PDB file of N, CA and C in Angstrom:
ATOM      1  N   UNK A   1      -8.540  -9.228  -7.412  1.00  0.00           N
ATOM      2  CA  UNK A   1      -9.246  -8.860  -6.209  1.00  0.00           C
ATOM      3  C   UNK A   1     -10.465  -8.015  -6.587  1.00  0.00           C
ATOM      4  N   UNK A   2     -11.373  -7.934  -5.666  1.00  0.00           N
ATOM      5  CA  UNK A   2     -12.613  -7.215  -5.916  1.00  0.00           C
ATOM      6  C   UNK A   2     -12.656  -5.912  -5.121  1.00  0.00           C
ATOM      7  N   UNK A   3     -13.530  -5.004  -5.557  1.00  0.00           N
ATOM      8  CA  UNK A   3     -13.741  -3.736  -4.870  1.00  0.00           C
ATOM      9  C   UNK A   3     -13.972  -4.008  -3.384  1.00  0.00           C
ATOM     10  N   UNK A   4     -13.189  -3.342  -2.538  1.00  0.00           N
ATOM     11  CA  UNK A   4     -13.322  -3.473  -1.091  1.00  0.00           C
ATOM     12  C   UNK A   4     -12.365  -4.455  -0.448  1.00  0.00           C
ATOM     13  N   UNK A   5     -11.659  -5.264  -1.255  1.00  0.00           N
ATOM     14  CA  UNK A   5     -10.686  -6.202  -0.696  1.00  0.00           C
ATOM     15  C   UNK A   5      -9.422  -5.469  -0.259  1.00  0.00           C
ATOM     16  N   UNK A   6      -8.824  -5.908   0.850  1.00  0.00           N
ATOM     17  CA  UNK A   6      -7.506  -5.409   1.238  1.00  0.00           C
ATOM     18  C   UNK A   6      -6.527  -6.070   0.276  1.00  0.00           C
ATOM     19  N   UNK A   7      -5.766  -5.267  -0.437  1.00  0.00           N
ATOM     20  CA  UNK A   7      -4.907  -5.798  -1.471  1.00  0.00           C
ATOM     21  C   UNK A   7      -3.418  -5.727  -1.157  1.00  0.00           C
ATOM     22  N   UNK A   8      -3.018  -4.875  -0.209  1.00  0.00           N
ATOM     23  CA  UNK A   8      -1.597  -4.614  -0.017  1.00  0.00           C
ATOM     24  C   UNK A   8      -1.412  -3.911   1.328  1.00  0.00           C
ATOM     25  N   UNK A   9      -0.310  -4.184   2.011  1.00  0.00           N
ATOM     26  CA  UNK A   9       0.001  -3.487   3.256  1.00  0.00           C
ATOM     27  C   UNK A   9       1.450  -3.018   3.192  1.00  0.00           C
ATOM     28  N   UNK A  10       1.652  -1.712   3.312  1.00  0.00           N
ATOM     29  CA  UNK A  10       3.003  -1.147   3.363  1.00  0.00           C
ATOM     30  C   UNK A  10       3.424  -0.991   4.813  1.00  0.00           C
ATOM     31  N   UNK A  11       4.673  -1.342   5.080  1.00  0.00           N
ATOM     32  CA  UNK A  11       5.243  -1.205   6.416  1.00  0.00           C
ATOM     33  C   UNK A  11       6.394  -0.209   6.332  1.00  0.00           C
ATOM     34  N   UNK A  12       6.320   0.908   7.080  1.00  0.00           N
ATOM     35  CA  UNK A  12       7.412   1.886   7.041  1.00  0.00           C
ATOM     36  C   UNK A  12       8.617   1.375   7.826  1.00  0.00           C
ATOM     37  N   UNK A  13       9.791   1.474   7.211  1.00  0.00           N
ATOM     38  CA  UNK A  13      11.011   1.002   7.870  1.00  0.00           C
ATOM     39  C   UNK A  13      12.125   2.029   7.692  1.00  0.00           C
ATOM     40  N   UNK A  14      13.046   2.037   8.642  1.00  0.00           N
ATOM     41  CA  UNK A  14      14.175   2.960   8.560  1.00  0.00           C
ATOM     42  C   UNK A  14      15.432   2.273   8.040  1.00  0.00           C
ATOM     43  N   UNK A  15      15.491   0.940   8.103  1.00  0.00           N
ATOM     44  CA  UNK A  15      16.649   0.188   7.632  1.00  0.00           C
ATOM     45  C   UNK A  15      16.120  -1.004   6.835  1.00  0.00           C
ATOM     46  N   UNK A  16      16.188  -0.924   5.503  1.00  0.00           N
ATOM     47  CA  UNK A  16      15.623  -1.954   4.631  1.00  0.00           C
ATOM     48  C   UNK A  16      16.238  -3.328   4.879  1.00  0.00           C
ATOM     49  N   UNK A  17      17.565  -3.386   4.978  1.00  0.00           N
ATOM     50  CA  UNK A  17      18.232  -4.675   5.165  1.00  0.00           C
ATOM     51  C   UNK A  17      17.817  -5.323   6.479  1.00  0.00           C
ATOM     52  N   UNK A  18      17.801  -4.542   7.552  1.00  0.00           N
ATOM     53  CA  UNK A  18      17.417  -5.073   8.860  1.00  0.00           C
ATOM     54  C   UNK A  18      15.958  -5.510   8.861  1.00  0.00           C
ATOM     55  N   UNK A  19      15.084  -4.712   8.253  1.00  0.00           N
ATOM     56  CA  UNK A  19      13.658  -5.052   8.204  1.00  0.00           C
ATOM     57  C   UNK A  19      13.426  -6.301   7.368  1.00  0.00           C
ATOM     58  N   UNK A  20      14.131  -6.417   6.253  1.00  0.00           N
ATOM     59  CA  UNK A  20      13.997  -7.596   5.400  1.00  0.00           C
ATOM     60  C   UNK A  20      14.384  -8.852   6.178  1.00  0.00           C
ATOM     61  N   UNK A  21      15.503  -8.804   6.869  1.00  0.00           N
ATOM     62  CA  UNK A  21      15.950  -9.950   7.664  1.00  0.00           C
ATOM     63  C   UNK A  21      14.955 -10.253   8.789  1.00  0.00           C
ATOM     64  N   UNK A  22      14.475  -9.210   9.449  1.00  0.00           N
ATOM     65  CA  UNK A  22      13.546  -9.374  10.572  1.00  0.00           C
ATOM     66  C   UNK A  22      12.259 -10.069  10.131  1.00  0.00           C
ATOM     67  N   UNK A  23      11.589  -9.520   9.116  1.00  0.00           N
ATOM     68  CA  UNK A  23      10.292 -10.066   8.699  1.00  0.00           C
ATOM     69  C   UNK A  23      10.433 -11.432   8.026  1.00  0.00           C
ATOM     70  N   UNK A  24      11.516 -11.651   7.309  1.00  0.00           N
ATOM     71  CA  UNK A  24      11.750 -12.968   6.709  1.00  0.00           C
ATOM     72  C   UNK A  24      11.890 -14.031   7.792  1.00  0.00           C
ATOM     73  N   UNK A  25      12.691 -13.715   8.801  1.00  0.00           N
ATOM     74  CA  UNK A  25      12.930 -14.668   9.889  1.00  0.00           C
ATOM     75  C   UNK A  25      11.685 -14.855  10.756  1.00  0.00           C
ATOM     76  N   UNK A  26      11.026 -13.757  11.091  1.00  0.00           N
ATOM     77  CA  UNK A  26       9.890 -13.815  12.006  1.00  0.00           C
ATOM     78  C   UNK A  26       8.676 -14.519  11.405  1.00  0.00           C
ATOM     79  N   UNK A  27       8.327 -14.191  10.161  1.00  0.00           N
ATOM     80  CA  UNK A  27       7.090 -14.688   9.556  1.00  0.00           C
ATOM     81  C   UNK A  27       7.291 -15.612   8.352  1.00  0.00           C
ATOM     82  N   UNK A  28       8.531 -15.760   7.899  1.00  0.00           N
ATOM     83  CA  UNK A  28       8.773 -16.588   6.718  1.00  0.00           C
ATOM     84  C   UNK A  28       8.355 -15.922   5.422  1.00  0.00           C
ATOM     85  N   UNK A  29       8.288 -14.583   5.445  1.00  0.00           N
ATOM     86  CA  UNK A  29       7.888 -13.860   4.242  1.00  0.00           C
ATOM     87  C   UNK A  29       8.984 -13.913   3.192  1.00  0.00           C
ATOM     88  N   UNK A  30       8.585 -14.070   1.946  1.00  0.00           N
ATOM     89  CA  UNK A  30       9.499 -13.936   0.825  1.00  0.00           C
ATOM     90  C   UNK A  30       9.547 -12.447   0.492  1.00  0.00           C
ATOM     91  N   UNK A  31      10.718 -11.841   0.590  1.00  0.00           N
ATOM     92  CA  UNK A  31      10.862 -10.400   0.358  1.00  0.00           C
ATOM     93  C   UNK A  31      11.882 -10.187  -0.747  1.00  0.00           C
ATOM     94  N   UNK A  32      11.459  -9.472  -1.797  1.00  0.00           N
ATOM     95  CA  UNK A  32      12.354  -9.247  -2.928  1.00  0.00           C
ATOM     96  C   UNK A  32      11.996  -7.947  -3.635  1.00  0.00           C
ATOM     97  N   UNK A  33      13.002  -7.340  -4.253  1.00  0.00           N
ATOM     98  CA  UNK A  33      12.770  -6.171  -5.100  1.00  0.00           C
ATOM     99  C   UNK A  33      12.430  -6.679  -6.497  1.00  0.00           C
ATOM    100  N   UNK A  34      11.321  -6.223  -7.024  1.00  0.00           N
ATOM    101  CA  UNK A  34      10.895  -6.625  -8.359  1.00  0.00           C
ATOM    102  C   UNK A  34      11.397  -5.615  -9.383  1.00  0.00           C
ATOM    103  N   UNK A  35      11.633  -6.042 -10.614  1.00  0.00           N
ATOM    104  CA  UNK A  35      12.065  -5.099 -11.654  1.00  0.00           C
ATOM    105  C   UNK A  35      11.077  -3.928 -11.780  1.00  0.00           C
ATOM    106  N   UNK A  36      11.623  -2.737 -11.785  1.00  0.00           N
ATOM    107  CA  UNK A  36      10.807  -1.532 -11.859  1.00  0.00           C
ATOM    108  C   UNK A  36      10.409  -0.973 -10.503  1.00  0.00           C
ATOM    109  N   UNK A  37      10.698  -1.727  -9.445  1.00  0.00           N
ATOM    110  CA  UNK A  37      10.340  -1.306  -8.092  1.00  0.00           C
ATOM    111  C   UNK A  37      11.561  -1.354  -7.176  1.00  0.00           C
ATOM    112  N   UNK A  38      12.728  -1.001  -7.714  1.00  0.00           N
ATOM    113  CA  UNK A  38      13.957  -1.001  -6.938  1.00  0.00           C
ATOM    114  C   UNK A  38      13.829  -0.030  -5.761  1.00  0.00           C
ATOM    115  N   UNK A  39      14.380  -0.419  -4.619  1.00  0.00           N
ATOM    116  CA  UNK A  39      14.293   0.412  -3.427  1.00  0.00           C
ATOM    117  C   UNK A  39      12.989   0.245  -2.670  1.00  0.00           C
ATOM    118  N   UNK A  40      12.121  -0.630  -3.169  1.00  0.00           N
ATOM    119  CA  UNK A  40      10.818  -0.886  -2.551  1.00  0.00           C
ATOM    120  C   UNK A  40      10.595  -2.401  -2.549  1.00  0.00           C
ATOM    121  N   UNK A  41      11.292  -3.120  -1.646  1.00  0.00           N
ATOM    122  CA  UNK A  41      11.124  -4.567  -1.619  1.00  0.00           C
ATOM    123  C   UNK A  41       9.698  -4.946  -1.222  1.00  0.00           C
ATOM    124  N   UNK A  42       9.155  -5.907  -1.940  1.00  0.00           N
ATOM    125  CA  UNK A  42       7.790  -6.362  -1.665  1.00  0.00           C
ATOM    126  C   UNK A  42       7.833  -7.702  -0.959  1.00  0.00           C
ATOM    127  N   UNK A  43       6.904  -7.879  -0.038  1.00  0.00           N
ATOM    128  CA  UNK A  43       6.820  -9.121   0.730  1.00  0.00           C
ATOM    129  C   UNK A  43       5.573  -9.881   0.351  1.00  0.00           C
ATOM    130  N   UNK A  44       5.679 -11.214   0.463  1.00  0.00           N
ATOM    131  CA  UNK A  44       4.524 -12.075   0.257  1.00  0.00           C
ATOM    132  C   UNK A  44       4.509 -13.109   1.372  1.00  0.00           C
ATOM    133  N   UNK A  45       3.347 -13.275   1.966  1.00  0.00           N
ATOM    134  CA  UNK A  45       3.184 -14.236   3.048  1.00  0.00           C
ATOM    135  C   UNK A  45       3.194 -15.657   2.486  1.00  0.00           C
ATOM    136  N   UNK A  46       3.438 -16.649   3.342  1.00  0.00           N
ATOM    137  CA  UNK A  46       3.456 -18.027   2.871  1.00  0.00           C
ATOM    138  C   UNK A  46       2.165 -18.474   2.184  1.00  0.00           C
ATOM    139  N   UNK A  47       1.024 -17.834   2.484  1.00  0.00           N
ATOM    140  CA  UNK A  47      -0.227 -18.238   1.839  1.00  0.00           C
ATOM    141  C   UNK A  47      -0.269 -17.856   0.358  1.00  0.00           C
ATOM    142  N   UNK A  48       0.701 -17.051  -0.095  1.00  0.00           N
ATOM    143  CA  UNK A  48       0.763 -16.659  -1.498  1.00  0.00           C
ATOM    144  C   UNK A  48      -0.259 -15.603  -1.882  1.00  0.00           C
ATOM    145  N   UNK A  49      -1.050 -15.139  -0.926  1.00  0.00           N
ATOM    146  CA  UNK A  49      -2.092 -14.145  -1.204  1.00  0.00           C
ATOM    147  C   UNK A  49      -1.746 -12.817  -0.541  1.00  0.00           C
ATOM    148  N   UNK A  50      -1.509 -12.854   0.761  1.00  0.00           N
ATOM    149  CA  UNK A  50      -1.219 -11.629   1.503  1.00  0.00           C
ATOM    150  C   UNK A  50       0.139 -11.081   1.106  1.00  0.00           C
ATOM    151  N   UNK A  51       0.227  -9.758   1.013  1.00  0.00           N
ATOM    152  CA  UNK A  51       1.502  -9.160   0.669  1.00  0.00           C
ATOM    153  C   UNK A  51       1.476  -7.662   0.807  1.00  0.00           C
ATOM    154  N   UNK A  52       2.635  -7.078   0.528  1.00  0.00           N
ATOM    155  CA  UNK A  52       2.771  -5.640   0.635  1.00  0.00           C
ATOM    156  C   UNK A  52       4.193  -5.235   0.343  1.00  0.00           C
ATOM    157  N   UNK A  53       4.597  -4.133   0.920  1.00  0.00           N
ATOM    158  CA  UNK A  53       5.935  -3.633   0.668  1.00  0.00           C
ATOM    159  C   UNK A  53       6.581  -3.085   1.920  1.00  0.00           C
ATOM    160  N   UNK A  54       7.900  -2.973   1.865  1.00  0.00           N
ATOM    161  CA  UNK A  54       8.668  -2.288   2.898  1.00  0.00           C
ATOM    162  C   UNK A  54       9.047  -0.950   2.298  1.00  0.00           C
ATOM    163  N   UNK A  55       8.510   0.108   2.856  1.00  0.00           N
ATOM    164  CA  UNK A  55       8.702   1.439   2.288  1.00  0.00           C
ATOM    165  C   UNK A  55       9.477   2.322   3.262  1.00  0.00           C
ATOM    166  N   UNK A  56      10.237   3.270   2.742  1.00  0.00           N
ATOM    167  CA  UNK A  56      10.993   4.157   3.628  1.00  0.00           C
ATOM    168  C   UNK A  56      10.080   4.919   4.588  1.00  0.00           C
ATOM    169  N   UNK A  57      10.430   4.869   5.854  1.00  0.00           N
ATOM    170  CA  UNK A  57       9.709   5.632   6.887  1.00  0.00           C
ATOM    171  C   UNK A  57       9.970   7.122   6.636  1.00  0.00           C
ATOM    172  N   UNK A  58       8.956   7.929   6.781  1.00  0.00           N
ATOM    173  CA  UNK A  58       9.115   9.355   6.595  1.00  0.00           C
ATOM    174  C   UNK A  58       7.979  10.115   7.222  1.00  0.00           C
ATOM    175  N   UNK A  59       8.082  11.436   7.158  1.00  0.00           N
ATOM    176  CA  UNK A  59       7.029  12.279   7.706  1.00  0.00           C
ATOM    177  C   UNK A  59       5.716  11.939   7.020  1.00  0.00           C
ATOM    178  N   UNK A  60       4.696  11.670   7.791  1.00  0.00           N
ATOM    179  CA  UNK A  60       3.399  11.307   7.241  1.00  0.00           C
ATOM    180  C   UNK A  60       3.262   9.826   6.960  1.00  0.00           C
ATOM    181  N   UNK A  61       4.336   9.066   7.132  1.00  0.00           N
ATOM    182  CA  UNK A  61       4.255   7.615   6.942  1.00  0.00           C
ATOM    183  C   UNK A  61       5.057   6.938   8.036  1.00  0.00           C
ATOM    184  N   UNK A  62       4.420   6.802   9.194  1.00  0.00           N
ATOM    185  CA  UNK A  62       5.090   6.227  10.360  1.00  0.00           C
ATOM    186  C   UNK A  62       4.395   4.978  10.883  1.00  0.00           C
ATOM    187  N   UNK A  63       3.259   4.634  10.330  1.00  0.00           N
ATOM    188  CA  UNK A  63       2.511   3.449  10.738  1.00  0.00           C
ATOM    189  C   UNK A  63       2.156   2.635   9.495  1.00  0.00           C
ATOM    190  N   UNK A  64       1.997   1.307   9.634  1.00  0.00           N
ATOM    191  CA  UNK A  64       1.595   0.507   8.479  1.00  0.00           C
ATOM    192  C   UNK A  64       0.316   1.053   7.845  1.00  0.00           C
ATOM    193  N   UNK A  65       0.242   0.917   6.521  1.00  0.00           N
ATOM    194  CA  UNK A  65      -0.916   1.421   5.782  1.00  0.00           C
ATOM    195  C   UNK A  65      -1.485   0.299   4.919  1.00  0.00           C
ATOM    196  N   UNK A  66      -2.768   0.030   5.089  1.00  0.00           N
ATOM    197  CA  UNK A  66      -3.458  -0.948   4.255  1.00  0.00           C
ATOM    198  C   UNK A  66      -3.995  -0.265   3.007  1.00  0.00           C
ATOM    199  N   UNK A  67      -4.004  -1.001   1.911  1.00  0.00           N
ATOM    200  CA  UNK A  67      -4.536  -0.502   0.647  1.00  0.00           C
ATOM    201  C   UNK A  67      -5.760  -1.320   0.280  1.00  0.00           C
ATOM    202  N   UNK A  68      -6.813  -0.630  -0.123  1.00  0.00           N
ATOM    203  CA  UNK A  68      -8.069  -1.259  -0.473  1.00  0.00           C
ATOM    204  C   UNK A  68      -8.249  -1.172  -1.986  1.00  0.00           C
ATOM    205  N   UNK A  69      -8.573  -2.299  -2.599  1.00  0.00           N
ATOM    206  CA  UNK A  69      -8.871  -2.355  -4.033  1.00  0.00           C
ATOM    207  C   UNK A  69     -10.181  -1.606  -4.281  1.00  0.00           C
ATOM    208  N   UNK A  70     -10.185  -0.716  -5.263  1.00  0.00           N
ATOM    209  CA  UNK A  70     -11.405  -0.003  -5.640  1.00  0.00           C
ATOM    210  C   UNK A  70     -11.574  -0.058  -7.161  1.00  0.00           C
ATOM    211  N   UNK A  71     -12.813   0.001  -7.594  1.00  0.00           N
ATOM    212  CA  UNK A  71     -13.086   0.011  -9.034  1.00  0.00           C
ATOM    213  C   UNK A  71     -12.618   1.316  -9.666  1.00  0.00           C
ATOM    214  N   UNK A  72     -12.765   2.409  -8.927  1.00  0.00           N
ATOM    215  CA  UNK A  72     -12.378   3.724  -9.434  1.00  0.00           C
ATOM    216  C   UNK A  72     -11.882   4.594  -8.278  1.00  0.00           C
ATOM    217  N   UNK A  73     -10.627   4.981  -8.338  1.00  0.00           N
ATOM    218  CA  UNK A  73     -10.090   5.877  -7.314  1.00  0.00           C
ATOM    219  C   UNK A  73     -10.822   7.210  -7.343  1.00  0.00           C
ATOM    220  N   UNK A  74     -11.070   7.723  -8.540  1.00  0.00           N
ATOM    221  CA  UNK A  74     -11.746   9.020  -8.641  1.00  0.00           C
ATOM    222  C   UNK A  74     -13.113   8.987  -7.967  1.00  0.00           C
ATOM    223  N   UNK A  75     -13.909   7.946  -8.227  1.00  0.00           N
ATOM    224  CA  UNK A  75     -15.238   7.840  -7.620  1.00  0.00           C
ATOM    225  C   UNK A  75     -15.130   7.623  -6.105  1.00  0.00           C
ATOM    226  N   UNK A  76     -14.162   6.815  -5.681  1.00  0.00           N
ATOM    227  CA  UNK A  76     -14.002   6.543  -4.256  1.00  0.00           C
ATOM    228  C   UNK A  76     -13.577   7.802  -3.506  1.00  0.00           C
ATOM    229  N   UNK A  77     -12.666   8.577  -4.088  1.00  0.00           N
ATOM    230  CA  UNK A  77     -12.256   9.838  -3.454  1.00  0.00           C
ATOM    231  C   UNK A  77     -13.446  10.788  -3.340  1.00  0.00           C
ATOM    232  N   UNK A  78     -14.252  10.875  -4.390  1.00  0.00           N
ATOM    233  CA  UNK A  78     -15.426  11.749  -4.342  1.00  0.00           C
ATOM    234  C   UNK A  78     -16.374  11.322  -3.223  1.00  0.00           C
ATOM    235  N   UNK A  79     -16.625  10.017  -3.104  1.00  0.00           N
ATOM    236  CA  UNK A  79     -17.490   9.512  -2.034  1.00  0.00           C
ATOM    237  C   UNK A  79     -16.869   9.773  -0.662  1.00  0.00           C
ATOM    238  N   UNK A  80     -15.571   9.549  -0.551  1.00  0.00           N
ATOM    239  CA  UNK A  80     -14.890   9.753   0.724  1.00  0.00           C
ATOM    240  C   UNK A  80     -14.956  11.206   1.162  1.00  0.00           C
ATOM    241  N   UNK A  81     -14.684  12.120   0.223  1.00  0.00           N
ATOM    242  CA  UNK A  81     -14.742  13.542   0.560  1.00  0.00           C
ATOM    243  C   UNK A  81     -16.148  13.947   0.968  1.00  0.00           C
ATOM    244  N   UNK A  82     -17.146  13.420   0.275  1.00  0.00           N
ATOM    245  CA  UNK A  82     -18.539  13.719   0.594  1.00  0.00           C
ATOM    246  C   UNK A  82     -18.894  13.218   2.000  1.00  0.00           C
ATOM    247  N   UNK A  83     -18.229  12.137   2.425  1.00  0.00           N
ATOM    248  CA  UNK A  83     -18.488  11.561   3.741  1.00  0.00           C
ATOM    249  C   UNK A  83     -17.608  12.173   4.831  1.00  0.00           C
ATOM    250  N   UNK A  84     -16.749  13.138   4.470  1.00  0.00           N
ATOM    251  CA  UNK A  84     -15.947  13.831   5.466  1.00  0.00           C
ATOM    252  C   UNK A  84     -14.479  13.444   5.517  1.00  0.00           C
ATOM    253  N   UNK A  85     -14.032  12.585   4.610  1.00  0.00           N
ATOM    254  CA  UNK A  85     -12.620  12.189   4.579  1.00  0.00           C
ATOM    255  C   UNK A  85     -11.763  13.307   3.983  1.00  0.00           C
ATOM    256  N   UNK A  86     -10.464  13.188   4.191  1.00  0.00           N
ATOM    257  CA  UNK A  86      -9.485  14.122   3.645  1.00  0.00           C
ATOM    258  C   UNK A  86      -8.586  13.365   2.683  1.00  0.00           C
ATOM    259  N   UNK A  87      -8.235  13.991   1.579  1.00  0.00           N
ATOM    260  CA  UNK A  87      -7.310  13.371   0.627  1.00  0.00           C
ATOM    261  C   UNK A  87      -5.885  13.734   1.052  1.00  0.00           C
ATOM    262  N   UNK A  88      -5.091  12.720   1.381  1.00  0.00           N
ATOM    263  CA  UNK A  88      -3.701  12.937   1.776  1.00  0.00           C
ATOM    264  C   UNK A  88      -2.764  12.911   0.573  1.00  0.00           C
ATOM    265  N   UNK A  89      -3.118  12.108  -0.434  1.00  0.00           N
ATOM    266  CA  UNK A  89      -2.337  12.046  -1.668  1.00  0.00           C
ATOM    267  C   UNK A  89      -3.291  11.766  -2.814  1.00  0.00           C
ATOM    268  N   UNK A  90      -3.303  12.667  -3.782  1.00  0.00           N
ATOM    269  CA  UNK A  90      -4.157  12.487  -4.956  1.00  0.00           C
ATOM    270  C   UNK A  90      -3.715  11.263  -5.749  1.00  0.00           C
ATOM    271  N   UNK A  91      -4.544  10.831  -6.651  1.00  0.00           N
ATOM    272  CA  UNK A  91      -4.276   9.672  -7.512  1.00  0.00           C
ATOM    273  C   UNK A  91      -2.946   9.834  -8.241  1.00  0.00           C
ATOM    274  N   UNK A  92      -2.109   8.793  -8.143  1.00  0.00           N
ATOM    275  CA  UNK A  92      -0.797   8.764  -8.787  1.00  0.00           C
ATOM    276  C   UNK A  92      -0.656   7.449  -9.550  1.00  0.00           C
ATOM    277  N   UNK A  93      -0.048   7.466 -10.733  1.00  0.00           N
ATOM    278  CA  UNK A  93       0.150   6.205 -11.451  1.00  0.00           C
ATOM    279  C   UNK A  93       1.230   5.351 -10.782  1.00  0.00           C
ATOM    280  N   UNK A  94       1.039   4.038 -10.850  1.00  0.00           N
ATOM    281  CA  UNK A  94       2.069   3.075 -10.441  1.00  0.00           C
ATOM    282  C   UNK A  94       2.694   2.509 -11.714  1.00  0.00           C
ATOM    283  N   UNK A  95       1.830   1.988 -12.575  1.00  0.00           N
ATOM    284  CA  UNK A  95       2.212   1.494 -13.893  1.00  0.00           C
ATOM    285  C   UNK A  95       1.206   2.064 -14.883  1.00  0.00           C
ATOM    286  N   UNK A  96       1.283   1.653 -16.128  1.00  0.00           N
ATOM    287  CA  UNK A  96       0.304   2.123 -17.124  1.00  0.00           C
ATOM    288  C   UNK A  96      -1.101   1.625 -16.821  1.00  0.00           C
ATOM    289  N   UNK A  97      -1.214   0.567 -16.022  1.00  0.00           N
ATOM    290  CA  UNK A  97      -2.521  -0.046 -15.758  1.00  0.00           C
ATOM    291  C   UNK A  97      -2.937   0.017 -14.292  1.00  0.00           C
ATOM    292  N   UNK A  98      -2.229   0.812 -13.489  1.00  0.00           N
ATOM    293  CA  UNK A  98      -2.588   0.864 -12.069  1.00  0.00           C
ATOM    294  C   UNK A  98      -2.275   2.243 -11.483  1.00  0.00           C
ATOM    295  N   UNK A  99      -2.949   2.532 -10.370  1.00  0.00           N
ATOM    296  CA  UNK A  99      -2.757   3.812  -9.691  1.00  0.00           C
ATOM    297  C   UNK A  99      -3.058   3.633  -8.210  1.00  0.00           C
ATOM    298  N   UNK A 100      -2.625   4.645  -7.421  1.00  0.00           N
ATOM    299  CA  UNK A 100      -2.904   4.640  -5.996  1.00  0.00           C
ATOM    300  C   UNK A 100      -3.173   6.038  -5.512  1.00  0.00           C
ATOM    301  N   UNK A 101      -3.767   6.130  -4.333  1.00  0.00           N
ATOM    302  CA  UNK A 101      -4.044   7.399  -3.668  1.00  0.00           C
ATOM    303  C   UNK A 101      -4.146   7.084  -2.178  1.00  0.00           C
ATOM    304  N   UNK A 102      -4.175   8.122  -1.357  1.00  0.00           N
ATOM    305  CA  UNK A 102      -4.289   7.923   0.087  1.00  0.00           C
ATOM    306  C   UNK A 102      -5.293   8.927   0.641  1.00  0.00           C
ATOM    307  N   UNK A 103      -6.191   8.425   1.470  1.00  0.00           N
ATOM    308  CA  UNK A 103      -7.160   9.279   2.151  1.00  0.00           C
ATOM    309  C   UNK A 103      -6.991   9.111   3.662  1.00  0.00           C
ATOM    310  N   UNK A 104      -7.543  10.044   4.412  1.00  0.00           N
ATOM    311  CA  UNK A 104      -7.637   9.918   5.868  1.00  0.00           C
ATOM    312  C   UNK A 104      -9.116   9.824   6.205  1.00  0.00           C
ATOM    313  N   UNK A 105      -9.474   8.833   7.007  1.00  0.00           N
ATOM    314  CA  UNK A 105     -10.871   8.675   7.387  1.00  0.00           C
ATOM    315  C   UNK A 105     -11.254   9.726   8.434  1.00  0.00           C
ATOM    316  N   UNK A 106     -12.434   9.596   8.998  1.00  0.00           N
ATOM    317  CA  UNK A 106     -12.942  10.582   9.951  1.00  0.00           C
ATOM    318  C   UNK A 106     -12.101  10.700  11.215  1.00  0.00           C
ATOM    319  N   UNK A 107     -11.346   9.631  11.538  1.00  0.00           N
ATOM    320  CA  UNK A 107     -10.489   9.644  12.725  1.00  0.00           C
ATOM    321  C   UNK A 107      -9.037   9.919  12.381  1.00  0.00           C
ATOM    322  N   UNK A 108      -8.750  10.240  11.128  1.00  0.00           N
ATOM    323  CA  UNK A 108      -7.391  10.534  10.716  1.00  0.00           C
ATOM    324  C   UNK A 108      -6.564   9.325  10.330  1.00  0.00           C
ATOM    325  N   UNK A 109      -7.194   8.137  10.268  1.00  0.00           N
ATOM    326  CA  UNK A 109      -6.479   6.933   9.848  1.00  0.00           C
ATOM    327  C   UNK A 109      -6.169   7.004   8.357  1.00  0.00           C
ATOM    328  N   UNK A 110      -4.954   6.678   8.015  1.00  0.00           N
ATOM    329  CA  UNK A 110      -4.499   6.699   6.634  1.00  0.00           C
ATOM    330  C   UNK A 110      -4.907   5.398   5.942  1.00  0.00           C
ATOM    331  N   UNK A 111      -5.647   5.514   4.834  1.00  0.00           N
ATOM    332  CA  UNK A 111      -6.122   4.360   4.071  1.00  0.00           C
ATOM    333  C   UNK A 111      -5.666   4.534   2.626  1.00  0.00           C
ATOM    334  N   UNK A 112      -4.959   3.537   2.120  1.00  0.00           N
ATOM    335  CA  UNK A 112      -4.531   3.579   0.727  1.00  0.00           C
ATOM    336  C   UNK A 112      -5.615   3.044  -0.180  1.00  0.00           C
ATOM    337  N   UNK A 113      -5.680   3.583  -1.387  1.00  0.00           N
ATOM    338  CA  UNK A 113      -6.598   3.116  -2.419  1.00  0.00           C
ATOM    339  C   UNK A 113      -5.774   2.593  -3.575  1.00  0.00           C
ATOM    340  N   UNK A 114      -6.177   1.462  -4.152  1.00  0.00           N
ATOM    341  CA  UNK A 114      -5.482   0.866  -5.292  1.00  0.00           C
ATOM    342  C   UNK A 114      -6.498   0.551  -6.374  1.00  0.00           C
ATOM    343  N   UNK A 115      -6.143   0.895  -7.616  1.00  0.00           N
ATOM    344  CA  UNK A 115      -7.012   0.628  -8.771  1.00  0.00           C
ATOM    345  C   UNK A 115      -6.160   0.028  -9.877  1.00  0.00           C
ATOM    346  N   UNK A 116      -6.673  -1.010 -10.519  1.00  0.00           N
ATOM    347  CA  UNK A 116      -6.010  -1.558 -11.700  1.00  0.00           C
ATOM    348  C   UNK A 116      -5.259  -2.838 -11.452  1.00  0.00           C
ATOM    349  N   UNK A 117      -4.315  -3.093 -12.345  1.00  0.00           N
ATOM    350  CA  UNK A 117      -3.467  -4.279 -12.236  1.00  0.00           C
ATOM    351  C   UNK A 117      -2.023  -3.839 -12.411  1.00  0.00           C
ATOM    352  N   UNK A 118      -1.138  -4.481 -11.667  1.00  0.00           N
ATOM    353  CA  UNK A 118       0.298  -4.186 -11.792  1.00  0.00           C
ATOM    354  C   UNK A 118       0.870  -5.226 -12.741  1.00  0.00           C
ATOM    355  N   UNK A 119       1.420  -4.755 -13.823  1.00  0.00           N
ATOM    356  CA  UNK A 119       2.051  -5.696 -14.754  1.00  0.00           C
ATOM    357  C   UNK A 119       1.469  -5.695 -16.106  1.00  0.00           C
TER     358      UNK A 119
END
């Protein structure tokens, strides 16, 4: 994916089994836990492109969150802060080759940032 592409959408859920059954039946999503990501089942739409994860619902994560591919999380956070955004979660590693962070835009919308490749 390229800088600015929506790469992933997390959906907060309170019951993983029920949510997995619901989204599989409703949309035909393939939902599975991948090695190294236990407890975080990932979904893929039938188009083979769109996807995301089912993540535990919690304080600060009550609505779906889209993740945007960026060339550099550090540079994007600097630009976002300069434009008035707030950093909700600093850059965190996912794997040795990928990382994520979360910002809030000017209206308080939570936007995830993704850099790198998983795998």
